N, C-alpha and C. Protein backbone atom coordinates (compact mmCIF):
# COMPACT_ATOMS: atom_id res chain seq x y z
N MET A 1 -47.73 -18.54 80.33
CA MET A 1 -47.72 -18.40 81.09
C MET A 1 -47.24 -20.03 81.69
N SER A 2 -48.68 -20.41 81.33
CA SER A 2 -49.00 -21.89 82.05
C SER A 2 -47.91 -22.78 81.29
N THR A 3 -47.55 -22.59 80.42
CA THR A 3 -46.30 -23.85 79.81
C THR A 3 -45.26 -23.54 80.40
N GLN A 4 -44.80 -22.43 80.79
CA GLN A 4 -43.44 -21.60 81.28
C GLN A 4 -43.33 -22.52 83.00
N VAL A 5 -44.69 -22.29 83.36
CA VAL A 5 -44.48 -22.81 84.75
C VAL A 5 -44.58 -24.44 84.67
N ASP A 6 -45.49 -25.14 84.02
CA ASP A 6 -45.05 -26.40 83.75
C ASP A 6 -43.70 -26.80 83.47
N GLY A 7 -42.91 -26.04 82.36
CA GLY A 7 -41.85 -26.22 82.03
C GLY A 7 -40.62 -26.19 83.61
N PHE A 8 -40.90 -25.37 84.53
CA PHE A 8 -40.12 -24.60 86.03
C PHE A 8 -40.85 -26.42 86.98
N VAL A 9 -41.72 -26.52 86.43
CA VAL A 9 -42.12 -27.71 87.56
C VAL A 9 -41.37 -29.05 87.23
N LYS A 10 -41.51 -29.00 85.71
CA LYS A 10 -40.61 -30.35 85.42
C LYS A 10 -39.06 -30.39 85.76
N ALA A 11 -38.35 -29.09 85.31
CA ALA A 11 -36.98 -29.05 85.71
C ALA A 11 -36.71 -29.70 87.35
N TYR A 12 -37.64 -28.94 88.28
CA TYR A 12 -37.73 -28.93 89.45
C TYR A 12 -37.66 -30.60 89.87
N ASN A 13 -39.15 -31.01 89.26
CA ASN A 13 -38.90 -32.53 89.73
C ASN A 13 -37.81 -33.12 88.98
N ASP A 14 -37.37 -33.47 87.57
CA ASP A 14 -36.20 -34.03 87.35
C ASP A 14 -34.92 -33.51 88.43
N LEU A 15 -34.79 -32.42 89.04
CA LEU A 15 -33.28 -32.31 89.98
C LEU A 15 -33.97 -33.05 91.23
N VAL A 16 -34.83 -33.26 91.69
CA VAL A 16 -35.68 -33.83 92.63
C VAL A 16 -35.07 -35.55 92.47
N GLY A 17 -35.48 -35.75 91.06
CA GLY A 17 -35.19 -37.61 90.41
C GLY A 17 -33.56 -37.72 90.51
N PHE A 18 -32.82 -36.86 90.22
CA PHE A 18 -31.37 -36.93 90.28
C PHE A 18 -31.03 -37.02 91.45
N VAL A 19 -31.55 -36.14 92.23
CA VAL A 19 -30.98 -36.16 93.75
C VAL A 19 -31.33 -37.14 94.93
N ASN A 20 -32.77 -38.18 94.36
CA ASN A 20 -32.84 -39.31 94.67
C ASN A 20 -32.18 -40.34 94.54
N GLU A 21 -32.32 -40.42 93.02
CA GLU A 21 -31.23 -41.35 92.39
C GLU A 21 -29.94 -41.57 93.07
N GLN A 22 -29.33 -39.98 93.65
CA GLN A 22 -27.96 -40.40 93.99
C GLN A 22 -28.11 -40.64 95.70
N ARG A 23 -28.78 -40.46 96.22
CA ARG A 23 -28.93 -40.91 97.48
C ARG A 23 -29.52 -42.53 97.42
N THR A 24 -29.95 -43.12 96.38
CA THR A 24 -30.59 -44.44 96.66
C THR A 24 -28.47 -45.07 96.12
N ALA A 25 -28.08 -44.35 95.64
CA ALA A 25 -26.88 -45.01 94.74
C ALA A 25 -25.51 -44.86 96.11
N ALA A 26 -25.67 -43.77 96.66
CA ALA A 26 -25.34 -43.63 97.84
C ALA A 26 -25.15 -44.96 99.28
N ILE A 27 -26.44 -45.18 99.44
CA ILE A 27 -27.27 -46.04 100.23
C ILE A 27 -26.32 -47.37 99.93
N SER A 28 -26.50 -47.64 98.33
CA SER A 28 -26.34 -48.97 98.03
C SER A 28 -24.59 -48.98 98.15
N GLY A 29 -23.51 -47.85 98.12
CA GLY A 29 -22.63 -47.79 98.47
C GLY A 29 -21.92 -47.61 96.82
N SER A 30 -23.03 -47.38 96.01
CA SER A 30 -22.11 -46.65 94.60
C SER A 30 -21.72 -45.39 94.78
N PRO A 31 -20.79 -45.08 94.03
CA PRO A 31 -20.23 -43.87 93.72
C PRO A 31 -21.57 -42.84 93.29
N SER A 32 -21.48 -41.83 94.13
CA SER A 32 -22.59 -40.67 93.87
C SER A 32 -22.30 -39.54 94.53
N VAL A 33 -23.16 -38.22 94.40
CA VAL A 33 -22.90 -37.20 95.01
C VAL A 33 -23.83 -37.17 95.92
N GLY A 34 -25.02 -38.15 96.55
CA GLY A 34 -25.98 -38.02 97.22
C GLY A 34 -25.21 -37.81 98.49
N ARG A 35 -24.61 -37.66 98.91
CA ARG A 35 -24.01 -37.59 100.41
C ARG A 35 -23.15 -35.93 100.53
N ASP A 36 -23.18 -35.64 99.61
CA ASP A 36 -22.68 -34.47 99.39
C ASP A 36 -23.32 -33.08 100.04
N PRO A 37 -22.93 -32.21 101.06
CA PRO A 37 -23.61 -31.50 101.46
C PRO A 37 -24.09 -30.07 100.39
N MET A 38 -23.38 -30.10 99.69
CA MET A 38 -23.70 -28.85 98.59
C MET A 38 -24.66 -29.32 97.94
N VAL A 39 -24.56 -30.60 97.16
CA VAL A 39 -26.11 -31.42 97.14
C VAL A 39 -27.57 -31.09 97.96
N ARG A 40 -27.61 -31.62 99.14
CA ARG A 40 -28.57 -31.39 99.98
C ARG A 40 -28.79 -29.76 100.10
N GLY A 41 -27.98 -29.36 100.19
CA GLY A 41 -28.05 -28.04 100.65
C GLY A 41 -28.90 -27.01 99.37
N LEU A 42 -28.71 -27.28 98.04
CA LEU A 42 -29.47 -27.08 97.08
C LEU A 42 -30.55 -27.49 96.78
N HIS A 43 -31.20 -28.57 97.09
CA HIS A 43 -32.05 -29.13 97.41
C HIS A 43 -33.05 -28.62 98.18
N THR A 44 -32.96 -28.56 99.54
CA THR A 44 -33.24 -27.88 100.28
C THR A 44 -33.78 -26.56 100.55
N ASP A 45 -32.34 -25.65 99.73
CA ASP A 45 -32.81 -24.12 99.24
C ASP A 45 -33.51 -24.35 98.49
N LEU A 46 -33.66 -24.74 97.51
CA LEU A 46 -34.46 -24.55 96.23
C LEU A 46 -36.31 -24.44 96.93
N ARG A 47 -36.22 -26.13 97.56
CA ARG A 47 -37.79 -26.04 97.96
C ARG A 47 -37.92 -24.70 99.27
N SER A 48 -36.99 -24.30 100.21
CA SER A 48 -37.57 -23.31 100.79
C SER A 48 -37.61 -22.18 100.23
N ALA A 49 -37.01 -21.93 98.85
CA ALA A 49 -37.45 -20.73 98.18
C ALA A 49 -38.54 -20.60 97.76
N ILE A 50 -39.09 -22.05 97.30
CA ILE A 50 -40.14 -21.94 96.47
C ILE A 50 -41.38 -21.86 97.25
N LEU A 51 -41.03 -22.15 98.66
CA LEU A 51 -42.37 -22.02 99.42
C LEU A 51 -42.58 -20.76 100.22
N GLY A 52 -41.15 -20.17 100.44
CA GLY A 52 -40.99 -18.54 100.81
C GLY A 52 -42.02 -17.77 99.98
N PRO A 53 -41.71 -16.19 101.00
CA PRO A 53 -42.78 -15.33 99.98
C PRO A 53 -41.85 -14.73 99.05
N HIS A 54 -42.15 -14.16 98.02
CA HIS A 54 -41.89 -13.57 97.10
C HIS A 54 -42.65 -12.05 96.51
N GLY A 55 -41.73 -11.02 96.32
CA GLY A 55 -42.34 -9.83 95.98
C GLY A 55 -43.24 -9.46 97.17
N ALA A 56 -43.91 -8.14 96.78
CA ALA A 56 -44.74 -7.69 97.87
C ALA A 56 -45.98 -7.18 97.06
N GLY A 57 -46.44 -7.92 95.94
CA GLY A 57 -47.73 -7.83 95.69
C GLY A 57 -48.95 -8.35 96.33
N ALA A 58 -49.90 -8.48 95.34
CA ALA A 58 -51.13 -9.08 96.32
C ALA A 58 -50.95 -10.78 96.19
N LEU A 59 -50.31 -11.21 95.49
CA LEU A 59 -50.01 -12.53 95.64
C LEU A 59 -48.60 -12.93 96.31
N THR A 60 -48.18 -13.10 97.30
CA THR A 60 -46.47 -13.55 97.78
C THR A 60 -46.17 -14.65 97.83
N SER A 61 -46.93 -15.96 97.71
CA SER A 61 -46.27 -17.20 97.74
C SER A 61 -46.80 -17.91 96.10
N LEU A 62 -45.85 -18.93 95.93
CA LEU A 62 -46.30 -19.98 94.66
C LEU A 62 -47.67 -20.53 94.99
N ALA A 63 -47.75 -20.77 96.36
CA ALA A 63 -48.92 -21.80 97.21
C ALA A 63 -50.18 -21.22 96.71
N SER A 64 -49.90 -20.06 96.77
CA SER A 64 -51.40 -19.25 96.68
C SER A 64 -51.82 -19.24 95.08
N VAL A 65 -50.91 -19.55 94.17
CA VAL A 65 -51.35 -19.87 92.67
C VAL A 65 -51.52 -21.53 92.48
N GLY A 66 -51.10 -22.17 93.58
CA GLY A 66 -51.56 -23.69 93.37
C GLY A 66 -50.29 -24.63 92.95
N ILE A 67 -48.95 -23.88 93.11
CA ILE A 67 -47.82 -24.40 93.12
C ILE A 67 -47.26 -25.09 94.47
N GLY A 68 -47.58 -26.12 94.42
CA GLY A 68 -46.98 -26.88 95.73
C GLY A 68 -45.94 -28.03 95.63
N PHE A 69 -46.35 -28.84 96.55
CA PHE A 69 -45.47 -30.32 96.92
C PHE A 69 -46.43 -31.43 96.84
N ASP A 70 -46.08 -32.62 96.99
CA ASP A 70 -47.12 -34.01 96.63
C ASP A 70 -46.25 -34.40 97.86
N ARG A 71 -46.75 -35.77 98.46
CA ARG A 71 -46.04 -36.28 99.67
C ARG A 71 -44.52 -36.89 99.82
N VAL A 72 -44.08 -37.41 98.13
CA VAL A 72 -42.75 -37.42 98.00
C VAL A 72 -42.20 -36.16 97.54
N GLY A 73 -42.20 -35.25 97.84
CA GLY A 73 -40.94 -33.86 97.65
C GLY A 73 -41.06 -33.34 96.08
N LEU A 74 -42.32 -33.70 95.56
CA LEU A 74 -42.20 -33.50 94.19
C LEU A 74 -42.76 -32.35 93.60
N MET A 75 -42.91 -31.23 92.57
CA MET A 75 -43.46 -30.00 92.99
C MET A 75 -44.93 -30.40 91.71
N THR A 76 -46.07 -29.87 92.53
CA THR A 76 -47.53 -30.03 91.46
C THR A 76 -47.74 -29.04 91.26
N VAL A 77 -48.87 -28.89 90.28
CA VAL A 77 -49.59 -27.43 89.93
C VAL A 77 -50.92 -27.84 89.80
N ASP A 78 -51.83 -27.37 91.07
CA ASP A 78 -53.16 -27.57 90.91
C ASP A 78 -53.60 -26.42 89.84
N ALA A 79 -53.82 -27.01 88.68
CA ALA A 79 -54.41 -26.38 87.64
C ALA A 79 -55.53 -25.96 87.86
N LYS A 80 -56.68 -25.68 88.48
CA LYS A 80 -57.48 -25.40 88.74
C LYS A 80 -57.64 -23.87 89.46
N VAL A 81 -56.80 -24.09 90.39
CA VAL A 81 -56.08 -22.76 91.29
C VAL A 81 -55.16 -22.01 90.41
N PHE A 82 -54.56 -22.67 89.68
CA PHE A 82 -53.75 -21.55 88.67
C PHE A 82 -54.43 -21.15 87.94
N LYS A 83 -55.49 -21.14 87.04
CA LYS A 83 -55.99 -20.92 86.02
C LYS A 83 -57.09 -19.71 86.95
N GLU A 84 -57.74 -19.53 87.91
CA GLU A 84 -58.58 -18.96 88.61
C GLU A 84 -57.12 -17.47 88.98
N ALA A 85 -56.00 -17.93 89.27
CA ALA A 85 -55.34 -16.72 89.82
C ALA A 85 -55.19 -15.89 88.46
N VAL A 86 -54.86 -16.76 87.42
CA VAL A 86 -54.71 -15.82 85.81
C VAL A 86 -55.90 -15.32 85.46
N ALA A 87 -57.16 -15.71 85.82
CA ALA A 87 -57.99 -15.19 85.44
C ALA A 87 -58.71 -14.02 85.94
N SER A 88 -58.45 -13.96 87.34
CA SER A 88 -58.55 -13.27 88.37
C SER A 88 -57.60 -11.74 88.88
N ASP A 89 -56.09 -12.08 88.57
CA ASP A 89 -55.55 -10.90 88.50
C ASP A 89 -54.20 -11.48 87.71
N PRO A 90 -54.19 -10.95 86.53
CA PRO A 90 -52.82 -11.79 85.72
C PRO A 90 -51.46 -10.71 85.75
N GLY A 91 -52.30 -9.55 86.28
CA GLY A 91 -50.85 -8.49 87.14
C GLY A 91 -50.06 -8.87 87.91
N ALA A 92 -51.06 -9.21 89.22
CA ALA A 92 -50.49 -9.79 90.49
C ALA A 92 -49.94 -11.41 90.02
N LEU A 93 -50.35 -11.94 89.08
CA LEU A 93 -49.43 -13.46 88.74
C LEU A 93 -47.96 -12.99 88.14
N GLN A 94 -47.91 -12.26 87.41
CA GLN A 94 -47.03 -11.62 86.64
C GLN A 94 -45.79 -10.97 87.76
N THR A 95 -46.42 -10.27 88.48
CA THR A 95 -45.44 -9.44 89.37
C THR A 95 -45.16 -10.48 90.44
N LEU A 96 -45.79 -11.56 91.14
CA LEU A 96 -45.40 -13.01 91.77
C LEU A 96 -44.14 -13.47 91.03
N PHE A 97 -44.51 -13.98 89.76
CA PHE A 97 -43.45 -14.52 89.10
C PHE A 97 -42.06 -13.59 88.96
N ALA A 98 -42.04 -12.37 87.91
CA ALA A 98 -41.08 -11.46 87.47
C ALA A 98 -40.89 -10.88 88.37
N GLY A 99 -41.65 -10.33 89.48
CA GLY A 99 -41.26 -8.89 90.02
C GLY A 99 -41.57 -7.70 89.62
N ALA A 100 -41.68 -6.27 90.30
CA ALA A 100 -42.29 -5.41 89.45
C ALA A 100 -41.27 -4.13 89.74
N GLY A 101 -41.29 -3.15 88.99
CA GLY A 101 -40.78 -2.07 88.85
C GLY A 101 -39.10 -2.03 88.84
N ALA A 102 -38.50 -1.17 88.74
CA ALA A 102 -37.28 -1.03 88.12
C ALA A 102 -36.42 0.15 89.45
N GLY A 103 -35.25 0.05 89.34
CA GLY A 103 -35.18 1.23 90.66
C GLY A 103 -34.99 0.79 92.01
N ALA A 104 -35.31 1.50 92.81
CA ALA A 104 -35.11 1.88 94.67
C ALA A 104 -36.44 0.73 94.96
N GLY A 105 -37.54 1.24 94.31
CA GLY A 105 -39.05 0.70 94.43
C GLY A 105 -39.28 -0.96 93.94
N ALA A 106 -38.04 -1.44 93.36
CA ALA A 106 -38.56 -2.60 92.58
C ALA A 106 -38.66 -4.08 93.42
N THR A 107 -39.20 -4.79 92.98
CA THR A 107 -39.40 -5.74 93.96
C THR A 107 -39.09 -7.10 93.09
N GLU A 108 -38.22 -8.07 93.47
CA GLU A 108 -38.02 -9.58 92.90
C GLU A 108 -38.84 -10.32 92.90
N GLY A 109 -39.21 -11.00 91.89
CA GLY A 109 -40.33 -12.04 92.05
C GLY A 109 -39.45 -13.55 92.27
N ALA A 110 -40.44 -14.43 92.12
CA ALA A 110 -40.03 -15.87 92.46
C ALA A 110 -38.76 -16.57 91.55
N PHE A 111 -39.12 -16.27 90.44
CA PHE A 111 -37.86 -16.66 89.38
C PHE A 111 -36.97 -16.10 89.33
N ASP A 112 -36.95 -14.27 89.91
CA ASP A 112 -35.36 -13.83 90.62
C ASP A 112 -35.30 -14.43 91.43
N ASP A 113 -35.73 -14.39 92.32
CA ASP A 113 -35.18 -15.30 93.68
C ASP A 113 -34.94 -16.34 93.85
N LEU A 114 -35.35 -17.20 92.96
CA LEU A 114 -34.92 -18.89 92.46
C LEU A 114 -33.42 -18.43 91.58
N SER A 115 -33.43 -17.62 90.61
CA SER A 115 -32.80 -17.66 89.56
C SER A 115 -31.10 -17.17 90.72
N SER A 116 -31.43 -16.15 91.52
CA SER A 116 -30.68 -15.69 92.18
C SER A 116 -29.60 -16.66 93.13
N LEU A 117 -30.55 -17.69 93.63
CA LEU A 117 -30.17 -18.70 94.40
C LEU A 117 -29.46 -19.77 93.54
N ILE A 118 -29.91 -19.92 92.51
CA ILE A 118 -29.31 -21.12 91.69
C ILE A 118 -27.92 -20.59 91.30
N SER A 119 -27.69 -18.96 91.22
CA SER A 119 -26.41 -18.28 90.64
C SER A 119 -25.09 -18.61 92.14
N ARG A 120 -26.12 -18.70 93.22
CA ARG A 120 -24.70 -18.43 94.24
C ARG A 120 -24.03 -19.96 94.06
N TYR A 121 -25.17 -21.27 93.35
CA TYR A 121 -24.89 -22.11 93.43
C TYR A 121 -23.54 -22.25 92.00
N THR A 122 -23.88 -22.04 91.19
CA THR A 122 -23.25 -21.87 89.82
C THR A 122 -22.32 -21.31 89.15
N ASP A 123 -22.20 -19.62 89.57
CA ASP A 123 -21.37 -18.72 89.67
C ASP A 123 -19.77 -19.19 89.95
N SER A 124 -19.07 -18.63 88.79
CA SER A 124 -17.72 -19.15 88.95
C SER A 124 -17.01 -19.10 90.39
N SER A 125 -17.68 -18.01 91.01
CA SER A 125 -16.81 -18.49 92.45
C SER A 125 -17.97 -18.93 93.63
N GLY A 126 -18.97 -19.68 92.81
CA GLY A 126 -20.08 -20.36 93.99
C GLY A 126 -19.85 -21.29 94.30
N LEU A 127 -21.08 -22.18 95.08
CA LEU A 127 -20.90 -23.55 96.07
C LEU A 127 -20.37 -24.66 95.02
N VAL A 128 -20.81 -24.88 93.72
CA VAL A 128 -20.23 -25.82 92.75
C VAL A 128 -19.03 -25.46 92.71
N LYS A 129 -18.27 -24.59 92.18
CA LYS A 129 -17.16 -24.67 92.01
C LYS A 129 -15.90 -24.75 93.41
N SER A 130 -16.74 -24.02 94.51
CA SER A 130 -16.27 -24.33 95.93
C SER A 130 -16.07 -26.19 96.32
N ALA A 131 -17.21 -26.64 95.86
CA ALA A 131 -17.42 -28.14 96.13
C ALA A 131 -16.32 -29.38 95.37
N ARG A 132 -16.67 -29.00 94.02
CA ARG A 132 -15.12 -28.94 93.20
C ARG A 132 -14.06 -29.18 93.58
N THR A 133 -13.80 -27.85 93.66
CA THR A 133 -12.27 -27.75 94.27
C THR A 133 -12.05 -28.48 95.34
N ARG A 134 -13.10 -28.85 96.58
CA ARG A 134 -12.64 -29.36 97.56
C ARG A 134 -12.43 -31.30 97.43
N ILE A 135 -13.51 -31.53 96.34
CA ILE A 135 -13.43 -32.85 95.87
C ILE A 135 -12.19 -33.12 95.41
N ASP A 136 -11.82 -32.30 94.41
CA ASP A 136 -10.49 -32.51 93.54
C ASP A 136 -9.06 -32.24 94.94
N ASP A 137 -8.96 -31.66 95.67
CA ASP A 137 -8.16 -31.83 96.85
C ASP A 137 -8.29 -33.10 97.55
N GLN A 138 -9.56 -33.51 98.00
CA GLN A 138 -9.67 -34.86 98.43
C GLN A 138 -8.96 -35.79 97.73
N VAL A 139 -9.50 -35.96 96.35
CA VAL A 139 -9.01 -36.77 95.61
C VAL A 139 -7.32 -36.94 95.41
N LYS A 140 -7.15 -35.61 95.41
CA LYS A 140 -5.27 -35.32 95.47
C LYS A 140 -4.86 -35.74 96.54
N ASN A 141 -5.47 -35.52 97.66
CA ASN A 141 -4.55 -35.73 99.23
C ASN A 141 -4.80 -37.49 99.04
N ILE A 142 -5.71 -38.13 98.96
CA ILE A 142 -6.17 -39.34 98.67
C ILE A 142 -4.72 -40.05 98.12
N SER A 143 -4.83 -39.93 96.68
CA SER A 143 -3.81 -39.76 96.00
C SER A 143 -2.43 -40.04 96.80
N ASN A 144 -1.83 -38.75 97.10
CA ASN A 144 -0.58 -38.61 97.80
C ASN A 144 -0.31 -39.81 98.93
N ARG A 145 -1.75 -39.55 99.57
CA ARG A 145 -1.59 -41.01 100.74
C ARG A 145 -1.07 -42.14 100.15
N MET A 146 -1.94 -42.73 99.30
CA MET A 146 -1.83 -43.83 98.51
C MET A 146 -0.54 -43.90 97.79
N ASP A 147 0.01 -42.89 97.27
CA ASP A 147 1.63 -42.93 97.28
C ASP A 147 2.34 -43.20 98.18
N THR A 148 2.17 -42.52 99.25
CA THR A 148 3.30 -42.81 100.47
C THR A 148 2.91 -43.98 101.30
N LEU A 149 1.86 -44.13 101.20
CA LEU A 149 1.57 -45.95 102.02
C LEU A 149 2.31 -46.83 100.85
N ASP A 150 2.03 -46.62 99.52
CA ASP A 150 2.62 -47.66 98.55
C ASP A 150 4.55 -47.78 98.74
N ALA A 151 5.07 -46.30 99.12
CA ALA A 151 6.45 -46.25 99.43
C ALA A 151 6.56 -47.21 100.29
N GLN A 152 5.96 -46.71 101.38
CA GLN A 152 6.21 -47.45 103.31
C GLN A 152 6.13 -48.65 102.90
N LEU A 153 5.32 -49.39 102.26
CA LEU A 153 5.06 -50.92 101.85
C LEU A 153 5.76 -51.65 100.95
N SER A 154 6.58 -50.71 100.48
CA SER A 154 8.03 -51.07 99.69
C SER A 154 8.93 -51.29 100.41
N LEU A 155 8.96 -50.12 101.21
CA LEU A 155 10.48 -50.78 102.15
C LEU A 155 10.33 -51.09 102.95
N ARG A 156 9.20 -51.43 103.71
CA ARG A 156 8.62 -52.83 104.42
C ARG A 156 8.80 -54.09 103.87
N ARG A 157 8.20 -54.41 102.64
CA ARG A 157 8.95 -55.37 102.15
C ARG A 157 10.27 -55.88 101.72
N GLY A 158 10.89 -54.78 101.23
CA GLY A 158 12.23 -54.91 101.72
C GLY A 158 13.29 -55.43 102.83
N SER A 159 12.49 -54.64 103.97
CA SER A 159 12.96 -55.08 105.14
C SER A 159 12.51 -56.30 105.36
N LEU A 160 11.38 -57.01 105.02
CA LEU A 160 11.10 -58.12 105.85
C LEU A 160 11.77 -59.20 104.96
N GLN A 161 12.38 -59.17 103.37
CA GLN A 161 12.76 -59.83 102.36
C GLN A 161 14.41 -59.97 102.67
N ALA A 162 14.64 -59.10 103.36
CA ALA A 162 16.25 -59.02 104.12
C ALA A 162 16.13 -59.81 105.53
N GLU A 163 15.40 -59.72 106.16
CA GLU A 163 14.75 -60.63 107.29
C GLU A 163 14.96 -62.03 107.06
N PHE A 164 14.10 -62.43 106.23
CA PHE A 164 13.86 -63.47 105.51
C PHE A 164 14.78 -64.21 105.05
N ILE A 165 15.77 -63.54 104.13
CA ILE A 165 16.91 -64.22 103.63
C ILE A 165 17.84 -64.24 104.73
N ALA A 166 18.05 -63.19 105.93
CA ALA A 166 19.33 -63.77 106.81
C ALA A 166 18.69 -64.63 107.84
N ALA A 167 17.28 -64.91 107.68
CA ALA A 167 16.97 -66.11 108.49
C ALA A 167 17.16 -67.67 107.99
N ASP A 168 16.86 -67.52 106.49
CA ASP A 168 17.03 -68.73 105.88
C ASP A 168 18.54 -69.03 105.58
N GLN A 169 19.24 -68.25 105.57
CA GLN A 169 21.37 -68.14 105.69
C GLN A 169 21.38 -68.63 106.99
N ALA A 170 20.73 -67.99 108.26
CA ALA A 170 21.20 -68.80 109.52
C ALA A 170 20.52 -70.29 109.65
N MET A 171 19.47 -70.32 109.24
CA MET A 171 18.84 -72.08 108.98
C MET A 171 20.04 -72.84 108.43
N GLN A 172 20.05 -72.34 107.09
CA GLN A 172 21.32 -73.26 106.25
C GLN A 172 22.50 -73.21 106.88
N ALA A 173 23.07 -72.31 108.01
CA ALA A 173 24.20 -72.16 108.48
C ALA A 173 23.74 -73.34 109.62
N LEU A 174 22.89 -73.40 110.36
CA LEU A 174 22.60 -74.40 111.46
C LEU A 174 22.43 -75.83 110.81
N ASN A 175 22.26 -75.69 109.84
CA ASN A 175 21.17 -77.19 109.09
C ASN A 175 22.94 -77.84 109.02
N SER A 176 24.07 -77.08 108.34
CA SER A 176 25.13 -77.27 108.07
C SER A 176 26.00 -77.47 109.26
N GLN A 177 26.04 -77.21 110.80
CA GLN A 177 26.17 -77.24 111.84
C GLN A 177 25.96 -78.37 112.46
N VAL A 178 24.81 -78.52 112.17
CA VAL A 178 24.15 -79.93 112.88
C VAL A 178 24.58 -81.29 111.85
N SER A 179 24.89 -80.84 110.73
CA SER A 179 25.51 -81.97 109.67
C SER A 179 26.91 -82.16 110.24
N ALA A 180 27.17 -81.05 110.52
CA ALA A 180 28.57 -81.29 110.85
C ALA A 180 29.13 -82.06 111.85
N LEU A 181 28.31 -81.41 113.04
CA LEU A 181 27.97 -82.23 114.47
C LEU A 181 27.89 -84.19 114.07
N SER A 182 26.69 -83.88 113.01
CA SER A 182 26.24 -85.88 113.08
C SER A 182 27.40 -86.47 112.42
N SER A 183 27.99 -86.05 112.30
CA SER A 183 29.25 -86.52 111.29
C SER A 183 29.83 -86.62 111.95
N LEU A 184 30.30 -86.06 112.62
CA LEU A 184 31.58 -86.19 113.94
C LEU A 184 30.77 -87.12 115.10
N ASN A 185 29.83 -86.93 115.11
CA ASN A 185 29.13 -87.95 116.58
C ASN A 185 29.55 -89.41 115.93
N ASN A 186 29.48 -89.37 114.15
CA ASN A 186 29.45 -90.83 113.91
C ASN A 186 30.86 -91.48 113.43
N GLN A 187 31.82 -90.38 113.26
CA GLN A 187 32.92 -90.64 113.46
C GLN A 187 33.59 -91.21 114.85
N TYR A 188 33.47 -90.68 115.83
CA TYR A 188 33.76 -90.87 117.29
C TYR A 188 32.62 -91.67 117.96
N ARG A 189 32.02 -92.59 117.47
CA ARG A 189 31.34 -93.10 118.13
C ARG A 189 31.99 -94.32 119.48
N LEU A 190 31.74 -94.37 120.23
CA LEU A 190 32.33 -95.23 120.90
C LEU A 190 31.60 -96.66 121.17
N PHE A 191 30.60 -96.71 120.74
CA PHE A 191 29.56 -97.98 120.94
C PHE A 191 29.23 -98.12 119.78
């Protein structure tokens, strides 16, 4: 049981490390999912679920068996408290983690609650899929907007080039008239 709990703690801390890396990348302006509400929501929901009550047995919180958080948000296990819980009532500890019973009187344990929470995010209709769809739609919309702006810029460029050519031709015509007037002035000079 201790090995499974240590694996769970490690997995949670790995997730926290990933979230923190993504936040750091977002702050520095690098591409990341650190500001995505789904990622923040998952982190918050997991922490709340871990701290919340589970089941209806003698033990109803992970904190009562030594599982908690340190100052930076990493999950920790107080080995002494955990060993005492295992020694004093292993059945209650198993009920806390895995739930008890079947049918109408069944209760879910902490791992069942966490599994349900993660399923809400990862199922085919879950939050991860909807976030991915949302991001894909945003990328598509941005791509379409860029195409539209490129087309508008091409039209504007063509219009400005036509205006420049017309202005250049008008300048050439004016220069030629100035030359013609100068030449007439030189021909009919009275003095």
